[in-house]
Every structure is written in structure tokens, then in C-alpha cells.
Amino acid sequence: MRTSTVKRTTKETDISVTVAIDGTGRSTASTGIGFLDHMLDLTAKHGQFDITVSCRGDLHVDDHHTTEDVGIALGRAFAQALGEKKGIARYGAAYVPMDEALARCVVDLSGRSALVFRAEFNRKKVGDLSTEMVEHFFQSVADNLKANVHLEVLYGRNTHHKIEALFKAFARAMRQACAADPGVKGVLSTKGTL
């Protein structure tokens, strides 16, 4: 079972994240930010990962530290669970509609971090999550997963729908990229390492 637990404690947050890549879509997310919990739950469900997130953060300040640090810990947990990445597909891509919105995500578990994020939101917040933190969350994930993550909202009007489509597309692209590929011997790279 490809599983990892990451604990991260700073003066701003106290976090524990567990990821099981070969899961069944079970999730327990408790960050103090309801909309972020919802996005983590659907990431688990649509990626078929088991994800447990517990975070106590300085929400009396704002949602920045909690959202960023959960992204850091989640990225690290995926990276550790993948190990040397032997025998995986490496690449994943998904288009996901959410009512009138359509999002695309393409992932390369390359060992190098890059984020391309193209989305505009009409609202400053959805629930208690600042919409500017969505890009920052994925930047934190990409940096700590050491992956190329390309996310784009192709069209849509409702901000909730756009963000949900992005998270679902990310989950499905990650599911493809993490999948075992029996045709891959070692790692899928001419360098011999990812």
C-alpha cells in the first residue's frame, strides 16, 4: 500500500496529513475552513485516494496559513507515498464539468515543480475560503509534490462551480498519473529517475 503520513508544526499551524494512493475515496478533513474541507473530500472521492487531514491553524488571523500549509503537507504526503515512482504512468489529464463550468488539469510527476494556473473568480470568498488561496494551495502542492500541474478553467460563471471543477480535475489527473502501468519498467524517464 502506497501510504504516507506527514506531520508539520509551526507557530501558525499544526497539521497531520495521511494519504493512501491505492484507496477507496475515503476522506476525513478538518481544517477549520469548511469549503477547503469540502474540496479535500472531493479530491479523495474523485481520485479514489484515502485522505485524512487534521489542521489547527491561526484562523483568527485569516485563512492563508492554514490553506498554504495544508497544501504543503498534502504535496509532501503524495510525494512520500509515491516513493521512487517506479512503474507509474507519470502523466495524467482530465477535463471535468461542474454544471456550466469546465476545468482541465494536466499533471506530470516529473520531480520538478511548476504550476500554470488560469482561472478568474467573480467572488472574493466561497464560504470561508478566499478565492485567491486556490492558486496558492495548488502552488504549495506542486512545489512539495515536485510535479508539473497545469490547471485551467475553460469557461464558467459560478465561482463555486469553477473551483470544484478544478479540484475534481486535479484529483482525476492525479489518479491517472499515480496509476501502476505494467508496461513501465523502472521509471518512465530516459534519465532513469524522477
Protein backbone atom coordinates (compact mmCIF):
# COMPACT_ATOMS: atom_id res chain seq x y z
CA MET A 1 0.00 0.00 0.00
CA ARG A 2 1.46 3.36 -1.05
CA THR A 3 0.78 5.36 2.09
CA SER A 4 2.41 8.27 3.90
CA THR A 5 1.75 10.46 6.91
CA VAL A 6 3.22 13.95 7.15
CA LYS A 7 3.16 16.00 10.33
CA ARG A 8 4.03 19.69 10.20
CA THR A 9 4.04 22.06 13.16
CA THR A 10 4.84 25.76 13.02
CA LYS A 11 3.82 28.78 15.09
CA GLU A 12 0.94 29.19 12.64
CA THR A 13 -0.39 25.65 12.10
CA ASP A 14 -0.30 22.11 13.49
CA ILE A 15 -1.07 19.63 10.71
CA SER A 16 -1.26 15.90 10.13
CA VAL A 17 -1.98 14.56 6.64
CA THR A 18 -2.22 10.90 5.66
CA VAL A 19 -2.54 9.81 2.03
CA ALA A 20 -3.16 6.28 0.74
CA ILE A 21 -2.83 6.35 -3.03
CA ASP A 22 -4.44 2.95 -3.53
CA GLY A 23 -7.53 3.86 -1.56
CA THR A 24 -11.27 3.82 -1.98
CA GLY A 25 -12.09 7.54 -1.83
CA ARG A 26 -12.49 7.85 1.95
CA SER A 27 -11.77 11.24 3.48
CA THR A 28 -11.74 12.94 6.82
CA ALA A 29 -10.83 16.61 6.53
CA SER A 30 -10.86 19.00 9.45
CA THR A 31 -9.07 22.27 8.73
CA GLY A 32 -11.48 24.78 10.24
CA ILE A 33 -12.23 26.03 6.71
CA GLY A 34 -15.43 24.35 5.60
CA PHE A 35 -15.04 24.90 1.86
CA LEU A 36 -11.43 23.65 1.92
CA ASP A 37 -12.62 20.52 3.77
CA HIS A 38 -15.22 20.00 1.03
CA MET A 39 -12.53 20.33 -1.69
CA LEU A 40 -10.27 17.83 0.10
CA ASP A 41 -13.18 15.40 0.49
CA LEU A 42 -13.98 15.51 -3.21
CA THR A 43 -10.28 15.21 -4.12
CA ALA A 44 -10.23 11.92 -2.22
CA LYS A 45 -13.51 10.72 -3.75
CA HIS A 46 -12.72 11.56 -7.37
CA GLY A 47 -9.09 10.44 -7.15
CA GLN A 48 -10.01 7.28 -5.21
CA PHE A 49 -7.39 8.21 -2.63
CA ASP A 50 -7.86 7.86 1.11
CA ILE A 51 -7.02 11.23 2.67
CA THR A 52 -7.06 12.29 6.29
CA VAL A 53 -6.30 15.91 7.13
CA SER A 54 -6.27 17.46 10.58
CA CYS A 55 -5.20 21.07 10.98
CA ARG A 56 -5.33 23.56 13.81
CA GLY A 57 -4.37 26.92 12.37
CA ASP A 58 -4.40 30.61 13.22
CA LEU A 59 -7.76 31.25 11.59
CA HIS A 60 -8.19 34.27 13.87
CA VAL A 61 -5.62 35.88 11.54
CA ASP A 62 -7.07 34.62 8.24
CA ASP A 63 -7.22 31.52 6.03
CA HIS A 64 -3.80 31.95 4.40
CA HIS A 65 -1.52 29.91 6.68
CA THR A 66 -3.94 27.01 7.05
CA THR A 67 -4.61 26.72 3.30
CA GLU A 68 -0.94 27.06 2.33
CA ASP A 69 0.33 24.63 4.96
CA VAL A 70 -2.30 22.00 4.16
CA GLY A 71 -1.14 22.22 0.52
CA ILE A 72 2.49 21.80 1.62
CA ALA A 73 1.71 18.75 3.77
CA LEU A 74 -0.57 17.19 1.13
CA GLY A 75 2.09 17.57 -1.57
CA ARG A 76 4.73 16.02 0.69
CA ALA A 77 2.45 13.13 1.64
CA PHE A 78 1.78 12.28 -2.01
CA ALA A 79 5.50 12.53 -2.82
CA GLN A 80 6.47 10.22 0.03
CA ALA A 81 3.71 7.73 -0.78
CA LEU A 82 4.88 7.56 -4.41
CA GLY A 83 8.45 6.82 -3.34
CA GLU A 84 10.76 6.29 -6.33
CA LYS A 85 7.75 6.34 -8.70
CA LYS A 86 8.69 3.03 -10.28
CA GLY A 87 6.08 1.55 -12.61
CA ILE A 88 3.68 4.52 -12.59
CA ALA A 89 2.07 6.20 -15.60
CA ARG A 90 3.65 9.55 -14.56
CA TYR A 91 1.26 11.68 -16.64
CA GLY A 92 -2.42 12.36 -16.11
CA ALA A 93 -5.02 14.61 -17.70
CA ALA A 94 -8.67 15.30 -17.02
CA TYR A 95 -11.49 17.57 -18.11
CA VAL A 96 -14.26 17.94 -15.53
CA PRO A 97 -17.53 19.83 -15.92
CA MET A 98 -19.41 21.24 -12.98
CA ASP A 99 -22.73 22.46 -14.31
CA GLU A 100 -21.86 25.45 -16.57
CA ALA A 101 -18.13 25.42 -15.69
CA LEU A 102 -15.43 23.30 -17.33
CA ALA A 103 -11.93 22.80 -15.94
CA ARG A 104 -8.85 21.00 -17.21
CA CYS A 105 -5.86 19.63 -15.30
CA VAL A 106 -2.71 18.04 -16.69
CA VAL A 107 -0.13 16.57 -14.30
CA ASP A 108 3.43 15.32 -14.77
CA LEU A 109 5.03 13.69 -11.71
CA SER A 110 8.39 14.74 -13.11
CA GLY A 111 10.37 15.54 -9.97
CA ARG A 112 10.32 19.21 -10.97
CA SER A 113 7.75 21.68 -9.69
CA ALA A 114 5.81 24.07 -11.88
CA LEU A 115 2.30 25.45 -11.68
CA VAL A 116 0.36 27.04 -14.51
CA PHE A 117 -2.93 28.36 -13.16
CA ARG A 118 -5.51 30.09 -15.33
CA ALA A 119 -8.75 30.88 -13.57
CA GLU A 120 -10.65 34.02 -12.74
CA PHE A 121 -13.17 34.16 -9.94
CA ASN A 122 -16.10 36.57 -9.58
CA ARG A 123 -16.21 36.38 -5.77
CA LYS A 124 -13.54 37.10 -3.17
CA LYS A 125 -14.65 34.18 -0.99
CA VAL A 126 -16.57 30.94 -1.22
CA GLY A 127 -17.74 30.10 2.26
CA ASP A 128 -14.76 30.86 4.46
CA LEU A 129 -12.07 30.28 1.79
CA SER A 130 -10.57 33.27 -0.02
CA THR A 131 -10.61 32.52 -3.74
CA GLU A 132 -7.06 33.90 -4.13
CA MET A 133 -5.94 30.98 -1.92
CA VAL A 134 -6.99 28.38 -4.52
CA GLU A 135 -3.97 29.13 -6.72
CA HIS A 136 -1.74 29.36 -3.66
CA PHE A 137 -2.94 25.96 -2.43
CA PHE A 138 -2.07 24.32 -5.75
CA GLN A 139 1.31 26.12 -5.84
CA SER A 140 2.09 24.63 -2.42
CA VAL A 141 1.02 21.16 -3.60
CA ALA A 142 3.04 21.36 -6.84
CA ASP A 143 6.18 22.62 -5.05
CA ASN A 144 6.12 19.88 -2.44
CA LEU A 145 4.96 17.08 -4.73
CA LYS A 146 7.64 18.19 -7.20
CA ALA A 147 5.19 17.97 -10.07
CA ASN A 148 4.10 19.99 -13.08
CA VAL A 149 0.47 20.95 -12.51
CA HIS A 150 -1.43 22.81 -15.22
CA LEU A 151 -4.90 23.95 -14.15
CA GLU A 152 -7.34 25.99 -16.18
CA VAL A 153 -10.98 26.99 -16.04
CA LEU A 154 -12.00 26.96 -19.69
CA TYR A 155 -15.32 28.68 -19.02
CA GLY A 156 -18.00 29.13 -16.39
CA ARG A 157 -19.83 31.73 -14.33
CA ASN A 158 -20.31 30.38 -10.82
CA THR A 159 -17.18 30.65 -8.67
CA HIS A 160 -18.07 27.63 -6.51
CA HIS A 161 -18.52 25.52 -9.65
CA LYS A 162 -15.22 26.69 -11.15
CA ILE A 163 -13.22 25.85 -8.02
CA GLU A 164 -14.93 22.50 -7.56
CA ALA A 165 -14.24 21.59 -11.21
CA LEU A 166 -10.54 22.47 -10.71
CA PHE A 167 -10.19 20.22 -7.65
CA LYS A 168 -12.03 17.34 -9.32
CA ALA A 169 -9.91 17.66 -12.47
CA PHE A 170 -6.77 17.64 -10.31
CA ALA A 171 -7.97 14.52 -8.48
CA ARG A 172 -8.71 12.62 -11.69
CA ALA A 173 -5.44 13.68 -13.35
CA MET A 174 -3.53 12.57 -10.24
CA ARG A 175 -5.33 9.24 -10.24
CA GLN A 176 -4.11 8.61 -13.81
CA ALA A 177 -0.56 9.79 -13.09
CA CYS A 178 -0.22 7.64 -9.94
CA ALA A 179 -1.68 4.53 -11.56
CA ALA A 180 0.51 1.47 -11.99
CA ASP A 181 1.38 0.86 -15.64
CA PRO A 182 2.51 -2.73 -16.26
CA GLY A 183 4.34 -1.60 -19.41
CA VAL A 184 6.64 0.70 -17.45
CA LYS A 185 9.81 -0.95 -16.22
CA GLY A 186 11.54 1.14 -13.58
CA VAL A 187 10.61 4.81 -14.01
CA LEU A 188 9.17 6.47 -17.10
CA SER A 189 12.17 8.68 -17.83
CA THR A 190 15.24 8.46 -20.04
CA LYS A 191 17.18 9.83 -17.04
CA GLY A 192 16.35 6.71 -15.05
CA THR A 193 14.97 8.75 -12.17
CA LEU A 194 12.06 11.08 -11.43
